[in-house]
Amino acid sequence: MLERFHVPSEIEVRVDPGVMRATVEDLFVALGMPREHAVQSADVLLYADIRGIDSHGVSNMLRRYVDSIRDGATNLHPQWRITHDSAAACTIDSDGAHGGVIGPEAMRIAIERAREYGIGSVAVYNGGHYGASAYTAAMALEEDMIGVSMTAGGVNVTPTFGAEPLVGLNPIAIAVPTREEPPFIFDASMSSVAGNKVRLVQRLGRDTMPGWIAGEDGAPIMEEQPIPEPHLMLPLGGTREIGSHKGYGLAVMIEVLTSLLSGGAAGPGRRARPAPRPRADGKDAVTAQDGCEL
């Protein structure tokens, strides 16, 4: 972990995972979430915290989820449905469900189909933030399958040489079982640094690193300085010289495989989101693959 992400010992708060889990579950239930969904949502958050992924854990994400519920942007009693279906693949309208609920549900469906057809793929639209992508990808490991999970997150990354955000942070994760070694799990956004990590650094009162973000004019900030507001996220690579065009291309690829594949809006089209909940934007895609000799 980079030092600027480290919480100083004088302000850190350590909580037993069991106590934290129960507290988060009870909070979601108090907000009106069904207990089963609260248990699932808390598990997604604790998955990140236990592994030191503070950017997607309780301290960084719980406030956002609570605000989304209170604002009516998250549907606590969704009637999600499959809108397009085939043997090994389907598309789900999640009816505004919390991402920490519908993301794992989509992977469960993908796993079921992979058992029967060797591969299962599910695209989801009309949903919310689903936490760390590795969580849903890693679900496939329990069935000795390869799991892939990706999502179109926000619209805050500017193209190389651009001055307007056109794509999201767009993380992708893959989880691969092994025979004797620990599984291989990779999870990363297609931005130079995860947006939640920028917020974490802001909370800690620390400076940005060179190549993380751009100013309002789109020019990459190449020296350490306080994080300006507003700012733009840069594609993976940071600058053209270091390959940011590749990061931008990968971000567009994930927009295609999540937003467009699910039949929703992509890129800037995902910005429009009338309150309290109507939305037609694409969101997530998960895939499980079985039958591989590893």
C-alpha atoms as a PDB file:
ATOM      1  CA  MET A   1       0.000   0.000   0.000  1.00  0.00           C
ATOM      2  CA  LEU A   2       1.299   3.464  -0.882  1.00  0.00           C
ATOM      3  CA  GLU A   3       2.147   5.503   2.188  1.00  0.00           C
ATOM      4  CA  ARG A   4      -0.335   8.239   1.277  1.00  0.00           C
ATOM      5  CA  PHE A   5      -3.166   5.696   1.493  1.00  0.00           C
ATOM      6  CA  HIS A   6      -2.093   4.622   4.979  1.00  0.00           C
ATOM      7  CA  VAL A   7      -4.261   5.869   7.842  1.00  0.00           C
ATOM      8  CA  PRO A   8      -2.045   7.248  10.650  1.00  0.00           C
ATOM      9  CA  SER A   9      -2.139   5.222  13.859  1.00  0.00           C
ATOM     10  CA  GLU A  10      -3.252   8.246  15.892  1.00  0.00           C
ATOM     11  CA  ILE A  11      -6.551   8.483  13.986  1.00  0.00           C
ATOM     12  CA  GLU A  12      -7.124   4.900  12.866  1.00  0.00           C
ATOM     13  CA  VAL A  13     -10.009   2.965  14.384  1.00  0.00           C
ATOM     14  CA  ARG A  14      -9.793  -0.815  14.548  1.00  0.00           C
ATOM     15  CA  VAL A  15     -13.034  -2.767  14.769  1.00  0.00           C
ATOM     16  CA  ASP A  16     -13.585  -6.503  15.045  1.00  0.00           C
ATOM     17  CA  PRO A  17     -14.874  -7.713  11.638  1.00  0.00           C
ATOM     18  CA  GLY A  18     -17.781  -9.543  13.256  1.00  0.00           C
ATOM     19  CA  VAL A  19     -18.886  -6.414  15.094  1.00  0.00           C
ATOM     20  CA  MET A  20     -18.519  -4.313  11.950  1.00  0.00           C
ATOM     21  CA  ARG A  21     -20.483  -6.813   9.878  1.00  0.00           C
ATOM     22  CA  ALA A  22     -23.361  -6.917  12.358  1.00  0.00           C
ATOM     23  CA  THR A  23     -23.422  -3.120  12.631  1.00  0.00           C
ATOM     24  CA  VAL A  24     -23.558  -2.611   8.859  1.00  0.00           C
ATOM     25  CA  GLU A  25     -26.268  -5.254   8.487  1.00  0.00           C
ATOM     26  CA  ASP A  26     -28.385  -3.602  11.193  1.00  0.00           C
ATOM     27  CA  LEU A  27     -27.907  -0.178   9.608  1.00  0.00           C
ATOM     28  CA  PHE A  28     -29.122  -1.385   6.217  1.00  0.00           C
ATOM     29  CA  VAL A  29     -32.113  -3.093   7.840  1.00  0.00           C
ATOM     30  CA  ALA A  30     -32.932   0.100   9.772  1.00  0.00           C
ATOM     31  CA  LEU A  31     -33.022   1.922   6.423  1.00  0.00           C
ATOM     32  CA  GLY A  32     -35.601  -0.560   5.147  1.00  0.00           C
ATOM     33  CA  MET A  33     -33.453  -3.124   3.340  1.00  0.00           C
ATOM     34  CA  PRO A  34     -34.576  -6.769   3.670  1.00  0.00           C
ATOM     35  CA  ARG A  35     -32.313  -8.686   6.055  1.00  0.00           C
ATOM     36  CA  GLU A  36     -31.135 -11.097   3.336  1.00  0.00           C
ATOM     37  CA  HIS A  37     -30.049  -8.178   1.153  1.00  0.00           C
ATOM     38  CA  ALA A  38     -28.433  -6.440   4.129  1.00  0.00           C
ATOM     39  CA  VAL A  39     -26.345  -9.526   4.882  1.00  0.00           C
ATOM     40  CA  GLN A  40     -25.202  -9.707   1.251  1.00  0.00           C
ATOM     41  CA  SER A  41     -24.423  -5.979   1.049  1.00  0.00           C
ATOM     42  CA  ALA A  42     -22.431  -6.041   4.289  1.00  0.00           C
ATOM     43  CA  ASP A  43     -20.439  -9.024   3.043  1.00  0.00           C
ATOM     44  CA  VAL A  44     -19.378  -7.069  -0.059  1.00  0.00           C
ATOM     45  CA  LEU A  45     -18.127  -4.166   2.075  1.00  0.00           C
ATOM     46  CA  LEU A  46     -16.330  -6.388   4.596  1.00  0.00           C
ATOM     47  CA  TYR A  47     -14.658  -8.326   1.763  1.00  0.00           C
ATOM     48  CA  ALA A  48     -12.837  -5.115   0.874  1.00  0.00           C
ATOM     49  CA  ASP A  49     -12.017  -4.011   4.423  1.00  0.00           C
ATOM     50  CA  ILE A  50     -10.620  -7.372   5.514  1.00  0.00           C
ATOM     51  CA  ARG A  51      -8.260  -7.308   2.530  1.00  0.00           C
ATOM     52  CA  GLY A  52      -7.077  -3.758   3.143  1.00  0.00           C
ATOM     53  CA  ILE A  53      -9.033  -2.290   0.216  1.00  0.00           C
ATOM     54  CA  ASP A  54     -10.121   0.794   2.155  1.00  0.00           C
ATOM     55  CA  SER A  55     -11.316   2.525  -1.016  1.00  0.00           C
ATOM     56  CA  HIS A  56     -14.226   0.076  -1.318  1.00  0.00           C
ATOM     57  CA  GLY A  57     -14.831  -0.699   2.346  1.00  0.00           C
ATOM     58  CA  VAL A  58     -17.101   0.629   5.059  1.00  0.00           C
ATOM     59  CA  SER A  59     -15.267   3.887   5.771  1.00  0.00           C
ATOM     60  CA  ASN A  60     -15.295   5.038   2.154  1.00  0.00           C
ATOM     61  CA  MET A  61     -18.510   3.571   0.716  1.00  0.00           C
ATOM     62  CA  LEU A  62     -21.123   3.199   3.462  1.00  0.00           C
ATOM     63  CA  ARG A  63     -22.003   6.912   3.501  1.00  0.00           C
ATOM     64  CA  ARG A  64     -22.527   6.844  -0.255  1.00  0.00           C
ATOM     65  CA  TYR A  65     -24.820   3.820  -0.019  1.00  0.00           C
ATOM     66  CA  VAL A  66     -26.830   5.362   2.820  1.00  0.00           C
ATOM     67  CA  ASP A  67     -27.252   8.611   0.874  1.00  0.00           C
ATOM     68  CA  SER A  68     -28.359   6.677  -2.210  1.00  0.00           C
ATOM     69  CA  ILE A  69     -31.016   4.869  -0.177  1.00  0.00           C
ATOM     70  CA  ARG A  70     -32.261   8.033   1.511  1.00  0.00           C
ATOM     71  CA  ASP A  71     -32.374   9.918  -1.806  1.00  0.00           C
ATOM     72  CA  GLY A  72     -34.502   7.199  -3.361  1.00  0.00           C
ATOM     73  CA  ALA A  73     -31.838   6.357  -5.955  1.00  0.00           C
ATOM     74  CA  THR A  74     -31.564   2.793  -4.607  1.00  0.00           C
ATOM     75  CA  ASN A  75     -34.633   0.568  -4.710  1.00  0.00           C
ATOM     76  CA  LEU A  76     -34.705  -1.491  -1.523  1.00  0.00           C
ATOM     77  CA  HIS A  77     -37.397  -3.836  -2.857  1.00  0.00           C
ATOM     78  CA  PRO A  78     -36.452  -4.353  -6.505  1.00  0.00           C
ATOM     79  CA  GLN A  79     -38.405  -6.608  -8.826  1.00  0.00           C
ATOM     80  CA  TRP A  80     -35.482  -7.444 -11.080  1.00  0.00           C
ATOM     81  CA  ARG A  81     -36.193  -9.445 -14.227  1.00  0.00           C
ATOM     82  CA  ILE A  82     -34.435 -11.117 -17.129  1.00  0.00           C
ATOM     83  CA  THR A  83     -35.194  -9.076 -20.249  1.00  0.00           C
ATOM     84  CA  HIS A  84     -33.191 -11.069 -22.802  1.00  0.00           C
ATOM     85  CA  ASP A  85     -32.349 -14.738 -22.435  1.00  0.00           C
ATOM     86  CA  SER A  86     -30.429 -17.463 -24.222  1.00  0.00           C
ATOM     87  CA  ALA A  87     -28.813 -20.704 -23.164  1.00  0.00           C
ATOM     88  CA  ALA A  88     -25.543 -19.396 -21.722  1.00  0.00           C
ATOM     89  CA  ALA A  89     -26.244 -15.663 -21.475  1.00  0.00           C
ATOM     90  CA  CYS A  90     -28.889 -13.250 -20.277  1.00  0.00           C
ATOM     91  CA  THR A  91     -29.542  -9.575 -19.553  1.00  0.00           C
ATOM     92  CA  ILE A  92     -31.077  -8.340 -16.297  1.00  0.00           C
ATOM     93  CA  ASP A  93     -33.012  -5.157 -15.550  1.00  0.00           C
ATOM     94  CA  SER A  94     -32.218  -4.801 -11.851  1.00  0.00           C
ATOM     95  CA  ASP A  95     -34.995  -2.254 -11.169  1.00  0.00           C
ATOM     96  CA  GLY A  96     -32.670   0.118  -9.337  1.00  0.00           C
ATOM     97  CA  ALA A  97     -31.313  -2.558  -6.979  1.00  0.00           C
ATOM     98  CA  HIS A  98     -28.312  -1.927  -4.762  1.00  0.00           C
ATOM     99  CA  GLY A  99     -25.265  -3.162  -6.652  1.00  0.00           C
ATOM    100  CA  GLY A 100     -24.079  -5.176  -3.669  1.00  0.00           C
ATOM    101  CA  VAL A 101     -27.233  -7.269  -4.071  1.00  0.00           C
ATOM    102  CA  ILE A 102     -27.703  -7.606  -7.833  1.00  0.00           C
ATOM    103  CA  GLY A 103     -23.998  -8.043  -8.661  1.00  0.00           C
ATOM    104  CA  PRO A 104     -23.624 -11.282  -6.677  1.00  0.00           C
ATOM    105  CA  GLU A 105     -27.038 -12.466  -7.918  1.00  0.00           C
ATOM    106  CA  ALA A 106     -25.879 -12.005 -11.508  1.00  0.00           C
ATOM    107  CA  MET A 107     -22.752 -14.059 -10.824  1.00  0.00           C
ATOM    108  CA  ARG A 108     -24.828 -16.822  -9.238  1.00  0.00           C
ATOM    109  CA  ILE A 109     -26.853 -17.013 -12.453  1.00  0.00           C
ATOM    110  CA  ALA A 110     -23.664 -17.024 -14.545  1.00  0.00           C
ATOM    111  CA  ILE A 111     -22.276 -19.881 -12.448  1.00  0.00           C
ATOM    112  CA  GLU A 112     -25.470 -21.920 -12.846  1.00  0.00           C
ATOM    113  CA  ARG A 113     -25.309 -21.548 -16.618  1.00  0.00           C
ATOM    114  CA  ALA A 114     -21.601 -22.345 -16.701  1.00  0.00           C
ATOM    115  CA  ARG A 115     -22.327 -25.636 -14.955  1.00  0.00           C
ATOM    116  CA  GLU A 116     -24.658 -26.579 -17.803  1.00  0.00           C
ATOM    117  CA  TYR A 117     -23.053 -24.963 -20.837  1.00  0.00           C
ATOM    118  CA  GLY A 118     -19.391 -24.503 -19.877  1.00  0.00           C
ATOM    119  CA  ILE A 119     -19.723 -20.720 -19.783  1.00  0.00           C
ATOM    120  CA  GLY A 120     -22.275 -18.290 -18.406  1.00  0.00           C
ATOM    121  CA  SER A 121     -22.466 -14.550 -19.043  1.00  0.00           C
ATOM    122  CA  VAL A 122     -24.832 -12.000 -17.495  1.00  0.00           C
ATOM    123  CA  ALA A 123     -25.168  -8.286 -18.282  1.00  0.00           C
ATOM    124  CA  VAL A 124     -26.984  -5.989 -15.845  1.00  0.00           C
ATOM    125  CA  TYR A 125     -28.473  -2.538 -16.322  1.00  0.00           C
ATOM    126  CA  ASN A 126     -30.447  -0.144 -14.144  1.00  0.00           C
ATOM    127  CA  GLY A 127     -28.405  -0.860 -11.015  1.00  0.00           C
ATOM    128  CA  GLY A 128     -26.043   0.806  -8.565  1.00  0.00           C
ATOM    129  CA  HIS A 129     -22.438   0.590  -7.332  1.00  0.00           C
ATOM    130  CA  TYR A 130     -21.558  -3.052  -6.638  1.00  0.00           C
ATOM    131  CA  GLY A 131     -18.414  -2.679  -4.544  1.00  0.00           C
ATOM    132  CA  ALA A 132     -15.057  -4.244  -5.346  1.00  0.00           C
ATOM    133  CA  SER A 133     -15.224  -6.085  -8.684  1.00  0.00           C
ATOM    134  CA  ALA A 134     -13.070  -8.864  -7.240  1.00  0.00           C
ATOM    135  CA  TYR A 135     -15.913  -9.889  -4.919  1.00  0.00           C
ATOM    136  CA  THR A 136     -18.192 -11.087  -7.713  1.00  0.00           C
ATOM    137  CA  ALA A 137     -15.334 -12.515  -9.784  1.00  0.00           C
ATOM    138  CA  ALA A 138     -14.093 -14.544  -6.797  1.00  0.00           C
ATOM    139  CA  MET A 139     -17.514 -16.157  -6.303  1.00  0.00           C
ATOM    140  CA  ALA A 140     -16.676 -18.433  -9.247  1.00  0.00           C
ATOM    141  CA  LEU A 141     -13.651 -19.825  -7.395  1.00  0.00           C
ATOM    142  CA  GLU A 142     -15.952 -21.668  -4.991  1.00  0.00           C
ATOM    143  CA  GLU A 143     -17.141 -23.724  -7.970  1.00  0.00           C
ATOM    144  CA  ASP A 144     -13.611 -24.186  -9.369  1.00  0.00           C
ATOM    145  CA  MET A 145     -14.458 -21.828 -12.231  1.00  0.00           C
ATOM    146  CA  ILE A 146     -12.865 -18.730 -13.713  1.00  0.00           C
ATOM    147  CA  GLY A 147     -14.798 -15.571 -12.881  1.00  0.00           C
ATOM    148  CA  VAL A 148     -14.707 -12.233 -14.690  1.00  0.00           C
ATOM    149  CA  SER A 149     -16.526  -9.132 -13.480  1.00  0.00           C
ATOM    150  CA  MET A 150     -16.546  -5.577 -14.826  1.00  0.00           C
ATOM    151  CA  THR A 151     -18.634  -2.454 -14.460  1.00  0.00           C
ATOM    152  CA  ALA A 152     -19.048   0.992 -15.989  1.00  0.00           C
ATOM    153  CA  GLY A 153     -18.543   3.270 -12.992  1.00  0.00           C
ATOM    154  CA  GLY A 154     -19.327   6.971 -13.193  1.00  0.00           C
ATOM    155  CA  VAL A 155     -18.452   9.342 -16.046  1.00  0.00           C
ATOM    156  CA  ASN A 156     -15.321  11.053 -14.807  1.00  0.00           C
ATOM    157  CA  VAL A 157     -12.374   9.895 -16.935  1.00  0.00           C
ATOM    158  CA  THR A 158     -11.200  12.150 -19.750  1.00  0.00           C
ATOM    159  CA  PRO A 159      -9.665  10.707 -22.938  1.00  0.00           C
ATOM    160  CA  THR A 160      -5.993  11.222 -23.720  1.00  0.00           C
ATOM    161  CA  PHE A 161      -5.620  14.896 -24.750  1.00  0.00           C
ATOM    162  CA  GLY A 162      -9.260  15.471 -23.726  1.00  0.00           C
ATOM    163  CA  ALA A 163     -10.815  18.084 -21.459  1.00  0.00           C
ATOM    164  CA  GLU A 164     -14.212  16.498 -20.842  1.00  0.00           C
ATOM    165  CA  PRO A 165     -15.018  13.242 -19.030  1.00  0.00           C
ATOM    166  CA  LEU A 166     -16.395  10.660 -21.461  1.00  0.00           C
ATOM    167  CA  VAL A 167     -16.050   7.262 -19.752  1.00  0.00           C
ATOM    168  CA  GLY A 168     -16.118   5.790 -16.276  1.00  0.00           C
ATOM    169  CA  LEU A 169     -13.451   4.368 -13.991  1.00  0.00           C
ATOM    170  CA  ASN A 170     -14.566   0.997 -15.357  1.00  0.00           C
ATOM    171  CA  PRO A 171     -12.838  -1.634 -13.207  1.00  0.00           C
ATOM    172  CA  ILE A 172     -12.409  -5.225 -14.330  1.00  0.00           C
ATOM    173  CA  ALA A 173     -11.565  -8.254 -12.200  1.00  0.00           C
ATOM    174  CA  ILE A 174     -10.629 -11.836 -12.979  1.00  0.00           C
ATOM    175  CA  ALA A 175     -10.377 -14.740 -10.531  1.00  0.00           C
ATOM    176  CA  VAL A 176      -8.645 -17.973 -11.578  1.00  0.00           C
ATOM    177  CA  PRO A 177      -8.485 -21.180  -9.505  1.00  0.00           C
ATOM    178  CA  THR A 178      -5.252 -23.159  -9.258  1.00  0.00           C
ATOM    179  CA  ARG A 179      -4.350 -26.691  -8.289  1.00  0.00           C
ATOM    180  CA  GLU A 180      -2.130 -26.081  -5.253  1.00  0.00           C
ATOM    181  CA  GLU A 181      -1.335 -22.376  -5.040  1.00  0.00           C
ATOM    182  CA  PRO A 182      -3.642 -19.572  -3.875  1.00  0.00           C
ATOM    183  CA  PRO A 183      -6.014 -18.404  -6.635  1.00  0.00           C
ATOM    184  CA  PHE A 184      -4.986 -15.617  -8.983  1.00  0.00           C
ATOM    185  CA  ILE A 185      -7.212 -12.557  -8.457  1.00  0.00           C
ATOM    186  CA  PHE A 186      -6.704  -9.287 -10.309  1.00  0.00           C
ATOM    187  CA  ASP A 187      -8.909  -6.204  -9.895  1.00  0.00           C
ATOM    188  CA  ALA A 188      -8.140  -2.758 -11.307  1.00  0.00           C
ATOM    189  CA  SER A 189      -9.857   0.316 -12.697  1.00  0.00           C
ATOM    190  CA  MET A 190      -9.065   1.725 -16.119  1.00  0.00           C
ATOM    191  CA  SER A 191      -8.234   5.096 -14.603  1.00  0.00           C
ATOM    192  CA  SER A 192      -4.719   6.056 -13.534  1.00  0.00           C
ATOM    193  CA  VAL A 193      -5.832   5.632  -9.921  1.00  0.00           C
ATOM    194  CA  ALA A 194      -9.167   4.502  -8.493  1.00  0.00           C
ATOM    195  CA  GLY A 195     -11.561   7.371  -7.870  1.00  0.00           C
ATOM    196  CA  ASN A 196     -12.238   6.156  -4.347  1.00  0.00           C
ATOM    197  CA  LYS A 197      -8.511   6.294  -3.621  1.00  0.00           C
ATOM    198  CA  VAL A 198      -8.502   9.975  -4.618  1.00  0.00           C
ATOM    199  CA  ARG A 199     -11.322  10.562  -2.131  1.00  0.00           C
ATOM    200  CA  LEU A 200      -9.371   8.610   0.491  1.00  0.00           C
ATOM    201  CA  VAL A 201      -6.306  10.821  -0.039  1.00  0.00           C
ATOM    202  CA  GLN A 202      -8.513  13.918   0.220  1.00  0.00           C
ATOM    203  CA  ARG A 203      -9.924  12.691   3.524  1.00  0.00           C
ATOM    204  CA  LEU A 204      -6.393  12.210   4.838  1.00  0.00           C
ATOM    205  CA  GLY A 205      -5.375  15.712   3.711  1.00  0.00           C
ATOM    206  CA  ARG A 206      -2.601  14.494   1.430  1.00  0.00           C
ATOM    207  CA  ASP A 207      -1.417  15.487  -2.044  1.00  0.00           C
ATOM    208  CA  THR A 208      -2.047  13.875  -5.402  1.00  0.00           C
ATOM    209  CA  MET A 209       0.811  12.037  -7.106  1.00  0.00           C
ATOM    210  CA  PRO A 210       2.050  12.971 -10.597  1.00  0.00           C
ATOM    211  CA  GLY A 211      -0.124  11.572 -13.383  1.00  0.00           C
ATOM    212  CA  TRP A 212      -3.098  10.655 -11.201  1.00  0.00           C
ATOM    213  CA  ILE A 213      -5.516  13.384 -12.225  1.00  0.00           C
ATOM    214  CA  ALA A 214      -5.939  16.358 -14.554  1.00  0.00           C
ATOM    215  CA  GLY A 215      -7.026  19.896 -13.905  1.00  0.00           C
ATOM    216  CA  GLU A 216     -10.313  21.290 -15.165  1.00  0.00           C
ATOM    217  CA  ASP A 217      -8.647  22.041 -18.521  1.00  0.00           C
ATOM    218  CA  GLY A 218      -7.649  18.392 -19.015  1.00  0.00           C
ATOM    219  CA  ALA A 219      -3.913  18.987 -18.553  1.00  0.00           C
ATOM    220  CA  PRO A 220      -2.352  16.174 -16.481  1.00  0.00           C
ATOM    221  CA  ILE A 221      -1.069  17.343 -13.099  1.00  0.00           C
ATOM    222  CA  MET A 222       2.546  16.211 -13.016  1.00  0.00           C
ATOM    223  CA  GLU A 223       3.643  17.397  -9.588  1.00  0.00           C
ATOM    224  CA  GLU A 224       2.515  16.665  -6.057  1.00  0.00           C
ATOM    225  CA  GLN A 225      -0.080  19.187  -4.908  1.00  0.00           C
ATOM    226  CA  PRO A 226      -3.384  19.355  -3.041  1.00  0.00           C
ATOM    227  CA  ILE A 227      -6.190  17.783  -5.063  1.00  0.00           C
ATOM    228  CA  PRO A 228      -8.054  20.590  -6.864  1.00  0.00           C
ATOM    229  CA  GLU A 229     -11.801  20.822  -7.232  1.00  0.00           C
ATOM    230  CA  PRO A 230     -12.996  20.296  -9.815  1.00  0.00           C
ATOM    231  CA  HIS A 231     -10.599  17.805 -11.351  1.00  0.00           C
ATOM    232  CA  LEU A 232     -10.710  15.092 -13.999  1.00  0.00           C
ATOM    233  CA  MET A 233      -9.578  11.494 -13.740  1.00  0.00           C
ATOM    234  CA  LEU A 234      -6.908  10.360 -16.201  1.00  0.00           C
ATOM    235  CA  PRO A 235      -6.958   7.030 -18.061  1.00  0.00           C
ATOM    236  CA  LEU A 236      -4.695   4.205 -16.929  1.00  0.00           C
ATOM    237  CA  GLY A 237      -1.181   5.282 -17.879  1.00  0.00           C
ATOM    238  CA  GLY A 238      -1.746   8.922 -16.983  1.00  0.00           C
ATOM    239  CA  THR A 239      -0.149  10.546 -20.034  1.00  0.00           C
ATOM    240  CA  ARG A 240       0.210   9.700 -23.720  1.00  0.00           C
ATOM    241  CA  GLU A 241       3.938   9.094 -23.258  1.00  0.00           C
ATOM    242  CA  ILE A 242       3.225   6.393 -20.672  1.00  0.00           C
ATOM    243  CA  GLY A 243       0.350   4.806 -22.605  1.00  0.00           C
ATOM    244  CA  SER A 244      -2.842   6.524 -21.435  1.00  0.00           C
ATOM    245  CA  HIS A 245      -4.383   5.905 -24.876  1.00  0.00           C
ATOM    246  CA  LYS A 246      -4.308   2.202 -24.001  1.00  0.00           C
ATOM    247  CA  GLY A 247      -6.077   2.833 -20.709  1.00  0.00           C
ATOM    248  CA  TYR A 248      -8.720   4.917 -22.478  1.00  0.00           C
ATOM    249  CA  GLY A 249      -9.214   2.205 -25.104  1.00  0.00           C
ATOM    250  CA  LEU A 250      -9.688  -0.425 -22.393  1.00  0.00           C
ATOM    251  CA  ALA A 251     -12.195   1.839 -20.618  1.00  0.00           C
ATOM    252  CA  VAL A 252     -14.201   2.147 -23.844  1.00  0.00           C
ATOM    253  CA  MET A 253     -14.040  -1.637 -24.253  1.00  0.00           C
ATOM    254  CA  ILE A 254     -15.623  -2.079 -20.831  1.00  0.00           C
ATOM    255  CA  GLU A 255     -18.314   0.505 -21.696  1.00  0.00           C
ATOM    256  CA  VAL A 256     -19.157  -1.677 -24.707  1.00  0.00           C
ATOM    257  CA  LEU A 257     -19.194  -4.959 -22.770  1.00  0.00           C
ATOM    258  CA  THR A 258     -21.301  -3.561 -19.912  1.00  0.00           C
ATOM    259  CA  SER A 259     -23.374  -0.536 -20.902  1.00  0.00           C
ATOM    260  CA  LEU A 260     -23.945  -1.167 -24.611  1.00  0.00           C
ATOM    261  CA  LEU A 261     -24.156  -4.948 -24.340  1.00  0.00           C
ATOM    262  CA  SER A 262     -26.921  -4.660 -21.743  1.00  0.00           C
ATOM    263  CA  GLY A 263     -28.887  -2.288 -23.977  1.00  0.00           C
ATOM    264  CA  GLY A 264     -28.371   0.783 -21.815  1.00  0.00           C
ATOM    265  CA  ALA A 265     -26.725   4.144 -22.324  1.00  0.00           C
ATOM    266  CA  ALA A 266     -22.948   4.453 -22.341  1.00  0.00           C
ATOM    267  CA  GLY A 267     -20.391   7.142 -21.588  1.00  0.00           C
ATOM    268  CA  PRO A 268     -21.907  10.631 -21.269  1.00  0.00           C
ATOM    269  CA  GLY A 269     -25.353   9.102 -21.852  1.00  0.00           C
ATOM    270  CA  ARG A 270     -25.154   7.635 -18.346  1.00  0.00           C
ATOM    271  CA  ARG A 271     -25.017  11.119 -16.808  1.00  0.00           C
ATOM    272  CA  ALA A 272     -28.768  11.737 -17.127  1.00  0.00           C
ATOM    273  CA  ARG A 273     -30.445  10.204 -14.114  1.00  0.00           C
ATOM    274  CA  PRO A 274     -33.756  11.844 -13.116  1.00  0.00           C
ATOM    275  CA  ALA A 275     -34.736  11.463  -9.475  1.00  0.00           C
ATOM    276  CA  PRO A 276     -35.786   9.507  -7.627  1.00  0.00           C
ATOM    277  CA  ARG A 277     -34.848   6.389  -9.560  1.00  0.00           C
ATOM    278  CA  PRO A 278     -35.581   6.178 -13.320  1.00  0.00           C
ATOM    279  CA  ARG A 279     -32.494   5.186 -15.253  1.00  0.00           C
ATOM    280  CA  ALA A 280     -31.710   3.142 -18.324  1.00  0.00           C
ATOM    281  CA  ASP A 281     -27.952   3.044 -18.132  1.00  0.00           C
ATOM    282  CA  GLY A 282     -25.952  -0.114 -18.515  1.00  0.00           C
ATOM    283  CA  LYS A 283     -23.909  -1.200 -15.535  1.00  0.00           C
ATOM    284  CA  ASP A 284     -22.264  -4.564 -14.965  1.00  0.00           C
ATOM    285  CA  ALA A 285     -21.223  -7.734 -16.760  1.00  0.00           C
ATOM    286  CA  VAL A 286     -20.135 -10.983 -15.122  1.00  0.00           C
ATOM    287  CA  THR A 287     -18.924 -14.220 -16.678  1.00  0.00           C
ATOM    288  CA  ALA A 288     -18.184 -17.647 -15.240  1.00  0.00           C
ATOM    289  CA  GLN A 289     -16.302 -20.307 -17.202  1.00  0.00           C
ATOM    290  CA  ASP A 290     -16.180 -24.001 -16.358  1.00  0.00           C
ATOM    291  CA  GLY A 291     -14.542 -27.045 -17.867  1.00  0.00           C
ATOM    292  CA  CYS A 292     -10.980 -25.714 -18.095  1.00  0.00           C
ATOM    293  CA  GLU A 293      -8.036 -27.984 -17.371  1.00  0.00           C
ATOM    294  CA  LEU A 294      -5.865 -26.034 -14.905  1.00  0.00           C
END
